[in-house]
PDB file of N, CA and C in Angstrom:
ATOM      1  N   UNK A   1      54.708 -81.391-113.242  1.00  0.00           N
ATOM      2  CA  UNK A   1      54.298 -81.548-114.729  1.00  0.00           C
ATOM      3  C   UNK A   1      52.964 -81.219-114.561  1.00  0.00           C
ATOM      4  N   UNK A   2      52.340 -80.362-115.781  1.00  0.00           N
ATOM      5  CA  UNK A   2      51.318 -80.126-115.620  1.00  0.00           C
ATOM      6  C   UNK A   2      50.120 -81.090-116.625  1.00  0.00           C
ATOM      7  N   UNK A   3      49.151 -81.666-116.560  1.00  0.00           N
ATOM      8  CA  UNK A   3      48.375 -82.443-117.271  1.00  0.00           C
ATOM      9  C   UNK A   3      47.087 -81.671-117.723  1.00  0.00           C
ATOM     10  N   UNK A   4      46.804 -82.122-118.687  1.00  0.00           N
ATOM     11  CA  UNK A   4      45.412 -81.200-119.096  1.00  0.00           C
ATOM     12  C   UNK A   4      44.307 -82.404-119.545  1.00  0.00           C
ATOM     13  N   UNK A   5      43.090 -81.881-119.260  1.00  0.00           N
ATOM     14  CA  UNK A   5      42.147 -82.897-119.217  1.00  0.00           C
ATOM     15  C   UNK A   5      41.198 -82.264-120.140  1.00  0.00           C
ATOM     16  N   UNK A   6      41.668 -82.203-121.455  1.00  0.00           N
ATOM     17  CA  UNK A   6      40.622 -81.760-122.364  1.00  0.00           C
ATOM     18  C   UNK A   6      39.905 -82.669-122.828  1.00  0.00           C
ATOM     19  N   UNK A   7      40.765 -84.089-123.082  1.00  0.00           N
ATOM     20  CA  UNK A   7      40.024 -85.305-123.744  1.00  0.00           C
ATOM     21  C   UNK A   7      38.910 -85.573-122.905  1.00  0.00           C
ATOM     22  N   UNK A   8      39.269 -85.693-121.656  1.00  0.00           N
ATOM     23  CA  UNK A   8      38.337 -86.242-121.036  1.00  0.00           C
ATOM     24  C   UNK A   8      36.781 -85.346-121.046  1.00  0.00           C
ATOM     25  N   UNK A   9      37.244 -83.998-120.526  1.00  0.00           N
ATOM     26  CA  UNK A   9      36.131 -82.977-120.535  1.00  0.00           C
ATOM     27  C   UNK A   9      35.448 -83.054-121.681  1.00  0.00           C
ATOM     28  N   UNK A  10      35.987 -83.333-122.826  1.00  0.00           N
ATOM     29  CA  UNK A  10      35.275 -83.381-124.378  1.00  0.00           C
ATOM     30  C   UNK A  10      34.288 -84.550-124.551  1.00  0.00           C
ATOM     31  N   UNK A  11      34.923 -85.854-123.811  1.00  0.00           N
ATOM     32  CA  UNK A  11      34.175 -87.193-123.488  1.00  0.00           C
ATOM     33  C   UNK A  11      33.194 -86.731-122.868  1.00  0.00           C
ATOM     34  N   UNK A  12      33.279 -86.282-121.798  1.00  0.00           N
ATOM     35  CA  UNK A  12      31.988 -86.164-120.721  1.00  0.00           C
ATOM     36  C   UNK A  12      31.136 -85.354-121.288  1.00  0.00           C
ATOM     37  N   UNK A  13      31.221 -84.335-122.063  1.00  0.00           N
ATOM     38  CA  UNK A  13      30.366 -83.386-122.729  1.00  0.00           C
ATOM     39  C   UNK A  13      29.719 -84.084-124.026  1.00  0.00           C
ATOM     40  N   UNK A  14      30.359 -85.197-124.593  1.00  0.00           N
ATOM     41  CA  UNK A  14      30.158 -85.995-125.744  1.00  0.00           C
ATOM     42  C   UNK A  14      30.426 -84.737-127.008  1.00  0.00           C
ATOM     43  N   UNK A  15      31.463 -84.004-126.868  1.00  0.00           N
ATOM     44  CA  UNK A  15      31.559 -83.019-127.695  1.00  0.00           C
ATOM     45  C   UNK A  15      32.909 -83.656-128.731  1.00  0.00           C
ATOM     46  N   UNK A  16      33.120 -83.388-129.681  1.00  0.00           N
ATOM     47  CA  UNK A  16      33.913 -83.857-130.701  1.00  0.00           C
ATOM     48  C   UNK A  16      34.878 -82.705-130.633  1.00  0.00           C
ATOM     49  N   UNK A  17      35.939 -82.936-130.929  1.00  0.00           N
ATOM     50  CA  UNK A  17      37.260 -81.877-131.232  1.00  0.00           C
ATOM     51  C   UNK A  17      36.594 -80.841-132.516  1.00  0.00           C
ATOM     52  N   UNK A  18      36.013 -81.503-133.614  1.00  0.00           N
ATOM     53  CA  UNK A  18      35.383 -80.529-134.528  1.00  0.00           C
ATOM     54  C   UNK A  18      34.478 -79.495-133.969  1.00  0.00           C
ATOM     55  N   UNK A  19      33.488 -79.985-132.956  1.00  0.00           N
ATOM     56  CA  UNK A  19      32.447 -79.057-132.443  1.00  0.00           C
ATOM     57  C   UNK A  19      33.126 -78.095-131.203  1.00  0.00           C
ATOM     58  N   UNK A  20      34.477 -78.138-131.002  1.00  0.00           N
ATOM     59  CA  UNK A  20      35.129 -77.270-130.058  1.00  0.00           C
ATOM     60  C   UNK A  20      35.804 -76.542-131.024  1.00  0.00           C
ATOM     61  N   UNK A  21      36.196 -76.780-132.208  1.00  0.00           N
ATOM     62  CA  UNK A  21      36.759 -75.920-132.981  1.00  0.00           C
ATOM     63  C   UNK A  21      35.918 -74.903-133.351  1.00  0.00           C
ATOM     64  N   UNK A  22      34.716 -75.541-133.816  1.00  0.00           N
ATOM     65  CA  UNK A  22      33.513 -74.502-134.303  1.00  0.00           C
ATOM     66  C   UNK A  22      32.986 -73.438-133.328  1.00  0.00           C
ATOM     67  N   UNK A  23      33.086 -73.786-132.093  1.00  0.00           N
ATOM     68  CA  UNK A  23      32.616 -73.335-131.045  1.00  0.00           C
ATOM     69  C   UNK A  23      33.719 -71.885-130.778  1.00  0.00           C
ATOM     70  N   UNK A  24      35.030 -72.498-130.710  1.00  0.00           N
ATOM     71  CA  UNK A  24      36.089 -71.447-130.096  1.00  0.00           C
ATOM     72  C   UNK A  24      36.664 -70.695-131.572  1.00  0.00           C
ATOM     73  N   UNK A  25      36.838 -71.044-132.823  1.00  0.00           N
ATOM     74  CA  UNK A  25      37.325 -70.653-134.043  1.00  0.00           C
ATOM     75  C   UNK A  25      38.904 -71.082-133.450  1.00  0.00           C
ATOM     76  N   UNK A  26      39.457 -72.071-132.819  1.00  0.00           N
ATOM     77  CA  UNK A  26      40.716 -72.261-132.907  1.00  0.00           C
ATOM     78  C   UNK A  26      40.860 -73.449-133.911  1.00  0.00           C
ATOM     79  N   UNK A  27      41.829 -73.470-134.415  1.00  0.00           N
ATOM     80  CA  UNK A  27      42.282 -74.428-135.587  1.00  0.00           C
ATOM     81  C   UNK A  27      42.431 -75.762-134.963  1.00  0.00           C
ATOM     82  N   UNK A  28      41.836 -76.753-135.778  1.00  0.00           N
ATOM     83  CA  UNK A  28      41.993 -77.877-135.223  1.00  0.00           C
ATOM     84  C   UNK A  28      43.413 -78.618-135.204  1.00  0.00           C
ATOM     85  N   UNK A  29      44.366 -77.969-135.990  1.00  0.00           N
ATOM     86  CA  UNK A  29      45.673 -78.538-135.687  1.00  0.00           C
ATOM     87  C   UNK A  29      46.557 -78.020-134.396  1.00  0.00           C
ATOM     88  N   UNK A  30      45.644 -77.304-133.508  1.00  0.00           N
ATOM     89  CA  UNK A  30      46.299 -76.515-132.365  1.00  0.00           C
ATOM     90  C   UNK A  30      45.328 -77.139-131.224  1.00  0.00           C
ATOM     91  N   UNK A  31      44.076 -77.612-131.670  1.00  0.00           N
ATOM     92  CA  UNK A  31      43.449 -78.391-130.518  1.00  0.00           C
ATOM     93  C   UNK A  31      43.586 -80.069-130.357  1.00  0.00           C
ATOM     94  N   UNK A  32      44.081 -80.314-131.655  1.00  0.00           N
ATOM     95  CA  UNK A  32      44.032 -81.721-131.771  1.00  0.00           C
ATOM     96  C   UNK A  32      45.562 -82.356-130.902  1.00  0.00           C
ATOM     97  N   UNK A  33      46.593 -81.678-131.063  1.00  0.00           N
ATOM     98  CA  UNK A  33      47.654 -81.949-130.163  1.00  0.00           C
ATOM     99  C   UNK A  33      47.343 -81.834-128.432  1.00  0.00           C
ATOM    100  N   UNK A  34      46.762 -80.920-128.317  1.00  0.00           N
ATOM    101  CA  UNK A  34      46.090 -80.406-127.046  1.00  0.00           C
ATOM    102  C   UNK A  34      45.236 -81.470-126.136  1.00  0.00           C
ATOM    103  N   UNK A  35      44.433 -82.124-127.179  1.00  0.00           N
ATOM    104  CA  UNK A  35      43.358 -83.088-126.670  1.00  0.00           C
ATOM    105  C   UNK A  35      44.296 -84.417-126.572  1.00  0.00           C
ATOM    106  N   UNK A  36      45.342 -84.601-127.074  1.00  0.00           N
ATOM    107  CA  UNK A  36      45.905 -85.705-127.089  1.00  0.00           C
ATOM    108  C   UNK A  36      46.812 -85.711-125.898  1.00  0.00           C
ATOM    109  N   UNK A  37      47.184 -84.693-125.365  1.00  0.00           N
ATOM    110  CA  UNK A  37      48.351 -84.503-124.474  1.00  0.00           C
ATOM    111  C   UNK A  37      49.618 -84.286-124.926  1.00  0.00           C
ATOM    112  N   UNK A  38      49.923 -83.955-126.411  1.00  0.00           N
ATOM    113  CA  UNK A  38      51.138 -83.600-127.029  1.00  0.00           C
ATOM    114  C   UNK A  38      51.354 -82.121-126.946  1.00  0.00           C
ATOM    115  N   UNK A  39      50.608 -81.128-126.779  1.00  0.00           N
ATOM    116  CA  UNK A  39      50.892 -79.897-126.943  1.00  0.00           C
ATOM    117  C   UNK A  39      51.845 -79.377-125.767  1.00  0.00           C
ATOM    118  N   UNK A  40      52.880 -78.482-126.300  1.00  0.00           N
ATOM    119  CA  UNK A  40      53.703 -78.224-125.417  1.00  0.00           C
ATOM    120  C   UNK A  40      53.585 -76.585-124.708  1.00  0.00           C
ATOM    121  N   UNK A  41      52.709 -76.053-125.528  1.00  0.00           N
ATOM    122  CA  UNK A  41      52.406 -74.582-124.759  1.00  0.00           C
ATOM    123  C   UNK A  41      50.746 -74.449-124.906  1.00  0.00           C
ATOM    124  N   UNK A  42      50.528 -73.634-124.331  1.00  0.00           N
ATOM    125  CA  UNK A  42      49.000 -73.149-124.216  1.00  0.00           C
ATOM    126  C   UNK A  42      48.834 -71.841-124.363  1.00  0.00           C
ATOM    127  N   UNK A  43      48.433 -70.731-125.122  1.00  0.00           N
ATOM    128  CA  UNK A  43      47.946 -69.460-125.146  1.00  0.00           C
ATOM    129  C   UNK A  43      47.095 -69.095-124.115  1.00  0.00           C
ATOM    130  N   UNK A  44      47.160 -67.931-123.390  1.00  0.00           N
ATOM    131  CA  UNK A  44      45.909 -67.845-122.387  1.00  0.00           C
ATOM    132  C   UNK A  44      44.829 -67.559-123.321  1.00  0.00           C
ATOM    133  N   UNK A  45      44.691 -66.746-123.921  1.00  0.00           N
ATOM    134  CA  UNK A  45      43.476 -66.411-124.908  1.00  0.00           C
ATOM    135  C   UNK A  45      43.013 -67.791-125.268  1.00  0.00           C
ATOM    136  N   UNK A  46      43.853 -69.064-125.799  1.00  0.00           N
ATOM    137  CA  UNK A  46      43.442 -69.945-126.056  1.00  0.00           C
ATOM    138  C   UNK A  46      42.572 -70.859-124.952  1.00  0.00           C
ATOM    139  N   UNK A  47      43.247 -70.976-123.864  1.00  0.00           N
ATOM    140  CA  UNK A  47      42.712 -71.362-122.580  1.00  0.00           C
ATOM    141  C   UNK A  47      41.423 -70.660-122.545  1.00  0.00           C
ATOM    142  N   UNK A  48      40.918 -69.632-122.418  1.00  0.00           N
ATOM    143  CA  UNK A  48      40.228 -68.647-122.068  1.00  0.00           C
ATOM    144  C   UNK A  48      38.853 -69.234-122.911  1.00  0.00           C
ATOM    145  N   UNK A  49      39.103 -69.512-124.361  1.00  0.00           N
ATOM    146  CA  UNK A  49      38.156 -69.644-125.372  1.00  0.00           C
ATOM    147  C   UNK A  49      37.595 -71.104-125.214  1.00  0.00           C
ATOM    148  N   UNK A  50      38.669 -71.926-124.541  1.00  0.00           N
ATOM    149  CA  UNK A  50      38.361 -73.160-124.500  1.00  0.00           C
ATOM    150  C   UNK A  50      37.462 -73.640-123.186  1.00  0.00           C
ATOM    151  N   UNK A  51      37.744 -72.888-122.200  1.00  0.00           N
ATOM    152  CA  UNK A  51      37.081 -72.984-120.806  1.00  0.00           C
ATOM    153  C   UNK A  51      35.572 -72.451-120.985  1.00  0.00           C
ATOM    154  N   UNK A  52      35.323 -71.154-121.753  1.00  0.00           N
ATOM    155  CA  UNK A  52      34.135 -70.511-122.112  1.00  0.00           C
ATOM    156  C   UNK A  52      33.425 -71.697-122.998  1.00  0.00           C
ATOM    157  N   UNK A  53      33.973 -72.274-123.799  1.00  0.00           N
ATOM    158  CA  UNK A  53      33.041 -73.233-124.527  1.00  0.00           C
ATOM    159  C   UNK A  53      32.612 -74.362-124.015  1.00  0.00           C
ATOM    160  N   UNK A  54      33.537 -75.245-122.996  1.00  0.00           N
ATOM    161  CA  UNK A  54      33.299 -76.125-122.250  1.00  0.00           C
ATOM    162  C   UNK A  54      32.661 -75.760-120.724  1.00  0.00           C
ATOM    163  N   UNK A  55      32.404 -74.678-120.440  1.00  0.00           N
ATOM    164  CA  UNK A  55      31.955 -74.237-119.229  1.00  0.00           C
ATOM    165  C   UNK A  55      32.626 -74.737-118.010  1.00  0.00           C
ATOM    166  N   UNK A  56      33.867 -74.609-118.169  1.00  0.00           N
ATOM    167  CA  UNK A  56      34.727 -75.211-117.018  1.00  0.00           C
ATOM    168  C   UNK A  56      35.501 -73.964-116.618  1.00  0.00           C
ATOM    169  N   UNK A  57      36.266 -74.478-115.435  1.00  0.00           N
ATOM    170  CA  UNK A  57      37.276 -73.779-115.041  1.00  0.00           C
ATOM    171  C   UNK A  57      38.681 -73.884-115.053  1.00  0.00           C
ATOM    172  N   UNK A  58      39.609 -73.228-115.400  1.00  0.00           N
ATOM    173  CA  UNK A  58      41.351 -73.520-115.616  1.00  0.00           C
ATOM    174  C   UNK A  58      41.334 -74.837-114.737  1.00  0.00           C
ATOM    175  N   UNK A  59      41.049 -74.815-113.242  1.00  0.00           N
ATOM    176  CA  UNK A  59      41.637 -75.976-112.548  1.00  0.00           C
ATOM    177  C   UNK A  59      41.113 -77.325-112.773  1.00  0.00           C
ATOM    178  N   UNK A  60      39.712 -77.430-113.748  1.00  0.00           N
ATOM    179  CA  UNK A  60      39.065 -78.517-114.165  1.00  0.00           C
ATOM    180  C   UNK A  60      40.082 -78.801-115.428  1.00  0.00           C
ATOM    181  N   UNK A  61      40.478 -78.056-116.362  1.00  0.00           N
ATOM    182  CA  UNK A  61      40.980 -78.283-117.414  1.00  0.00           C
ATOM    183  C   UNK A  61      42.609 -78.810-117.210  1.00  0.00           C
ATOM    184  N   UNK A  62      43.378 -77.931-116.357  1.00  0.00           N
ATOM    185  CA  UNK A  62      44.660 -78.164-116.279  1.00  0.00           C
ATOM    186  C   UNK A  62      45.090 -78.837-114.881  1.00  0.00           C
ATOM    187  N   UNK A  63      46.004 -79.702-114.123  1.00  0.00           N
ATOM    188  CA  UNK A  63      46.327 -80.016-113.177  1.00  0.00           C
ATOM    189  C   UNK A  63      47.635 -80.277-113.100  1.00  0.00           C
ATOM    190  N   UNK A  64      48.136 -79.839-111.767  1.00  0.00           N
ATOM    191  CA  UNK A  64      49.620 -80.023-111.517  1.00  0.00           C
ATOM    192  C   UNK A  64      49.844 -80.979-110.830  1.00  0.00           C
ATOM    193  N   UNK A  65      50.647 -81.839-111.165  1.00  0.00           N
ATOM    194  CA  UNK A  65      50.869 -83.334-110.599  1.00  0.00           C
ATOM    195  C   UNK A  65      52.429 -83.358-110.433  1.00  0.00           C
ATOM    196  N   UNK A  66      53.101 -83.464-109.295  1.00  0.00           N
ATOM    197  CA  UNK A  66      54.240 -83.307-109.073  1.00  0.00           C
ATOM    198  C   UNK A  66      54.848 -84.478-109.753  1.00  0.00           C
ATOM    199  N   UNK A  67      56.133 -84.149-110.120  1.00  0.00           N
ATOM    200  CA  UNK A  67      56.899 -85.306-110.982  1.00  0.00           C
ATOM    201  C   UNK A  67      57.509 -86.346-109.551  1.00  0.00           C
TER     202      UNK A  67
END
């Protein structure tokens, strides 16, 4: 299973989803499910924009957890 840590990273940076939306141009309707762990897919361009805005690497955002 792949676990995303977007919600934790946003919390650590005191950044609301709306600020991430402003910085990345990614629609709120795409960011909200991702932050809540409900997203099923993640586009590489989206991943790149999120990592750039948060100043993090992919490994900080996503983690593989064996089932």
